[in-house]
Amino acid sequence: MEESPPAEPKKTSLGMEENVEGLLAYLLGWLTGIILLVLEKESDFARFHAMQSTITFLGITVLSYIFAIIPIIGWILADLLWLLGLILWILGMLKAYSGERYKFPIVGDLAEEWLGKVNV
């Protein structure tokens, strides 16, 4: 029995493979998320990961700054958010690179919903 050759990876409007662009959406957190949301016009996969990255890491950044001004308990919460951000950052890059449209809890559903409303 002959194996069929692996499918050619899908390319995005930026000329990259979808999984690579999905990984790049997480690389610098919300910054690369916003950049790819603006630049990518065709790939729903890459746009989903860009939106999820933007919502996740912009939210974590804002909450961390708010918690950082609250003595002791706020500092602890800010540190825990940083750790959560690190875990989500690694998980997002791994899942995107493997070609999986992995949704983070809560944020993944928001990303899908808002993606349909945003045509940058």
C-alpha atoms as a PDB file:
ATOM      1  CA  MET A   1       0.000   0.000   0.000  1.00  0.00           C
ATOM      2  CA  GLU A   2       1.415   3.340  -1.044  1.00  0.00           C
ATOM      3  CA  GLU A   3       1.424   6.278   1.368  1.00  0.00           C
ATOM      4  CA  SER A   4       0.210   9.566   0.016  1.00  0.00           C
ATOM      5  CA  PRO A   5       2.640  12.442   0.304  1.00  0.00           C
ATOM      6  CA  PRO A   6       2.032  14.829   3.201  1.00  0.00           C
ATOM      7  CA  ALA A   7      -0.268  17.703   2.405  1.00  0.00           C
ATOM      8  CA  GLU A   8       1.439  20.934   1.423  1.00  0.00           C
ATOM      9  CA  PRO A   9       1.257  23.357   4.361  1.00  0.00           C
ATOM     10  CA  LYS A  10      -1.195  26.189   3.810  1.00  0.00           C
ATOM     11  CA  LYS A  11       0.329  29.575   3.132  1.00  0.00           C
ATOM     12  CA  THR A  12      -0.945  32.822   4.579  1.00  0.00           C
ATOM     13  CA  SER A  13      -1.370  36.128   2.761  1.00  0.00           C
ATOM     14  CA  LEU A  14       2.044  37.077   4.188  1.00  0.00           C
ATOM     15  CA  GLY A  15       3.655  34.088   2.448  1.00  0.00           C
ATOM     16  CA  MET A  16       4.374  32.101   5.610  1.00  0.00           C
ATOM     17  CA  GLU A  17       3.085  28.691   6.575  1.00  0.00           C
ATOM     18  CA  GLU A  18       0.006  28.972   8.789  1.00  0.00           C
ATOM     19  CA  ASN A  19       1.583  27.191  11.743  1.00  0.00           C
ATOM     20  CA  VAL A  20       4.639  29.462  11.703  1.00  0.00           C
ATOM     21  CA  GLU A  21       2.517  32.601  11.558  1.00  0.00           C
ATOM     22  CA  GLY A  22       0.352  31.223  14.369  1.00  0.00           C
ATOM     23  CA  LEU A  23       3.473  30.734  16.493  1.00  0.00           C
ATOM     24  CA  LEU A  24       4.677  34.251  15.678  1.00  0.00           C
ATOM     25  CA  ALA A  25       1.364  35.655  16.925  1.00  0.00           C
ATOM     26  CA  TYR A  26       2.457  34.671  20.451  1.00  0.00           C
ATOM     27  CA  LEU A  27       6.167  35.498  20.188  1.00  0.00           C
ATOM     28  CA  LEU A  28       5.984  39.045  21.596  1.00  0.00           C
ATOM     29  CA  GLY A  29       2.578  38.680  23.226  1.00  0.00           C
ATOM     30  CA  TRP A  30      -0.049  41.280  22.404  1.00  0.00           C
ATOM     31  CA  LEU A  31       2.377  43.266  20.204  1.00  0.00           C
ATOM     32  CA  THR A  32       2.812  40.557  17.561  1.00  0.00           C
ATOM     33  CA  GLY A  33      -0.844  39.643  17.984  1.00  0.00           C
ATOM     34  CA  ILE A  34      -1.927  43.146  16.950  1.00  0.00           C
ATOM     35  CA  ILE A  35       0.626  43.347  14.129  1.00  0.00           C
ATOM     36  CA  LEU A  36      -0.528  40.048  12.611  1.00  0.00           C
ATOM     37  CA  LEU A  37      -4.200  40.959  13.061  1.00  0.00           C
ATOM     38  CA  VAL A  38      -3.584  44.078  10.994  1.00  0.00           C
ATOM     39  CA  LEU A  39      -1.387  42.450   8.337  1.00  0.00           C
ATOM     40  CA  GLU A  40      -2.967  39.009   7.841  1.00  0.00           C
ATOM     41  CA  LYS A  41      -5.988  39.128   5.534  1.00  0.00           C
ATOM     42  CA  GLU A  42      -6.767  35.504   4.611  1.00  0.00           C
ATOM     43  CA  SER A  43      -5.781  32.837   7.142  1.00  0.00           C
ATOM     44  CA  ASP A  44      -8.481  32.303   9.769  1.00  0.00           C
ATOM     45  CA  PHE A  45      -6.053  30.061  11.652  1.00  0.00           C
ATOM     46  CA  ALA A  46      -3.355  32.737  11.946  1.00  0.00           C
ATOM     47  CA  ARG A  47      -5.908  35.486  12.668  1.00  0.00           C
ATOM     48  CA  PHE A  48      -7.490  33.381  15.431  1.00  0.00           C
ATOM     49  CA  HIS A  49      -4.126  32.897  17.158  1.00  0.00           C
ATOM     50  CA  ALA A  50      -3.301  36.594  16.703  1.00  0.00           C
ATOM     51  CA  MET A  51      -6.618  37.603  18.300  1.00  0.00           C
ATOM     52  CA  GLN A  52      -6.250  35.099  21.134  1.00  0.00           C
ATOM     53  CA  SER A  53      -2.704  36.324  21.809  1.00  0.00           C
ATOM     54  CA  THR A  54      -3.818  39.961  21.822  1.00  0.00           C
ATOM     55  CA  ILE A  55      -6.730  39.421  24.215  1.00  0.00           C
ATOM     56  CA  THR A  56      -4.770  37.118  26.534  1.00  0.00           C
ATOM     57  CA  PHE A  57      -1.562  39.074  26.880  1.00  0.00           C
ATOM     58  CA  LEU A  58      -3.037  42.564  26.782  1.00  0.00           C
ATOM     59  CA  GLY A  59      -5.395  41.494  29.574  1.00  0.00           C
ATOM     60  CA  ILE A  60      -2.564  39.974  31.610  1.00  0.00           C
ATOM     61  CA  THR A  61      -0.434  43.109  31.100  1.00  0.00           C
ATOM     62  CA  VAL A  62      -3.175  45.489  32.230  1.00  0.00           C
ATOM     63  CA  LEU A  63      -4.121  43.346  35.246  1.00  0.00           C
ATOM     64  CA  SER A  64      -0.465  42.973  36.254  1.00  0.00           C
ATOM     65  CA  TYR A  65       0.005  46.751  36.292  1.00  0.00           C
ATOM     66  CA  ILE A  66      -3.159  47.186  38.351  1.00  0.00           C
ATOM     67  CA  PHE A  67      -2.146  44.486  40.839  1.00  0.00           C
ATOM     68  CA  ALA A  68       1.407  45.858  41.062  1.00  0.00           C
ATOM     69  CA  ILE A  69       0.193  49.046  42.756  1.00  0.00           C
ATOM     70  CA  ILE A  70      -1.557  47.090  45.523  1.00  0.00           C
ATOM     71  CA  PRO A  71       0.936  46.243  48.306  1.00  0.00           C
ATOM     72  CA  ILE A  72       1.694  42.614  49.155  1.00  0.00           C
ATOM     73  CA  ILE A  73      -1.433  40.752  47.948  1.00  0.00           C
ATOM     74  CA  GLY A  74      -1.371  42.658  44.654  1.00  0.00           C
ATOM     75  CA  TRP A  75       2.299  41.876  44.175  1.00  0.00           C
ATOM     76  CA  ILE A  76       1.630  38.194  44.763  1.00  0.00           C
ATOM     77  CA  LEU A  77      -1.268  38.237  42.283  1.00  0.00           C
ATOM     78  CA  ALA A  78       0.884  40.080  39.723  1.00  0.00           C
ATOM     79  CA  ASP A  79       3.570  37.388  40.082  1.00  0.00           C
ATOM     80  CA  LEU A  80       0.976  34.624  39.661  1.00  0.00           C
ATOM     81  CA  LEU A  81      -0.355  36.360  36.540  1.00  0.00           C
ATOM     82  CA  TRP A  82       3.180  36.531  35.162  1.00  0.00           C
ATOM     83  CA  LEU A  83       3.541  32.780  35.719  1.00  0.00           C
ATOM     84  CA  LEU A  84       0.151  32.135  34.062  1.00  0.00           C
ATOM     85  CA  GLY A  85       1.251  34.317  31.145  1.00  0.00           C
ATOM     86  CA  LEU A  86       4.462  32.320  30.743  1.00  0.00           C
ATOM     87  CA  ILE A  87       2.529  29.044  30.688  1.00  0.00           C
ATOM     88  CA  LEU A  88      -0.034  30.370  28.167  1.00  0.00           C
ATOM     89  CA  TRP A  89       2.755  31.855  26.031  1.00  0.00           C
ATOM     90  CA  ILE A  90       4.539  28.502  25.725  1.00  0.00           C
ATOM     91  CA  LEU A  91       1.285  26.557  25.284  1.00  0.00           C
ATOM     92  CA  GLY A  92       0.022  28.947  22.608  1.00  0.00           C
ATOM     93  CA  MET A  93       3.223  28.732  20.584  1.00  0.00           C
ATOM     94  CA  LEU A  94       3.394  24.931  20.818  1.00  0.00           C
ATOM     95  CA  LYS A  95      -0.259  24.425  19.861  1.00  0.00           C
ATOM     96  CA  ALA A  96      -0.121  26.924  16.985  1.00  0.00           C
ATOM     97  CA  TYR A  97       3.085  25.420  15.605  1.00  0.00           C
ATOM     98  CA  SER A  98       1.561  21.938  15.722  1.00  0.00           C
ATOM     99  CA  GLY A  99      -1.320  23.276  13.602  1.00  0.00           C
ATOM    100  CA  GLU A 100      -3.934  23.057  16.351  1.00  0.00           C
ATOM    101  CA  ARG A 101      -6.593  25.733  16.782  1.00  0.00           C
ATOM    102  CA  TYR A 102      -6.360  25.456  20.564  1.00  0.00           C
ATOM    103  CA  LYS A 103      -8.656  27.720  22.565  1.00  0.00           C
ATOM    104  CA  PHE A 104      -7.596  29.048  25.956  1.00  0.00           C
ATOM    105  CA  PRO A 105     -10.408  28.919  28.525  1.00  0.00           C
ATOM    106  CA  ILE A 106     -12.718  31.968  28.232  1.00  0.00           C
ATOM    107  CA  VAL A 107     -10.332  33.913  25.985  1.00  0.00           C
ATOM    108  CA  GLY A 108     -10.538  31.405  23.110  1.00  0.00           C
ATOM    109  CA  ASP A 109     -14.296  31.850  22.797  1.00  0.00           C
ATOM    110  CA  LEU A 110     -13.904  35.636  22.943  1.00  0.00           C
ATOM    111  CA  ALA A 111     -11.236  35.480  20.237  1.00  0.00           C
ATOM    112  CA  GLU A 112     -13.517  33.505  17.907  1.00  0.00           C
ATOM    113  CA  GLU A 113     -16.441  35.836  18.565  1.00  0.00           C
ATOM    114  CA  TRP A 114     -14.464  39.056  18.152  1.00  0.00           C
ATOM    115  CA  LEU A 115     -12.605  37.776  15.097  1.00  0.00           C
ATOM    116  CA  GLY A 116     -15.865  37.811  13.133  1.00  0.00           C
ATOM    117  CA  LYS A 117     -16.457  41.422  14.139  1.00  0.00           C
ATOM    118  CA  VAL A 118     -12.972  42.760  13.415  1.00  0.00           C
ATOM    119  CA  ASN A 119     -11.985  43.425   9.830  1.00  0.00           C
ATOM    120  CA  VAL A 120      -8.795  45.417  10.194  1.00  0.00           C
END
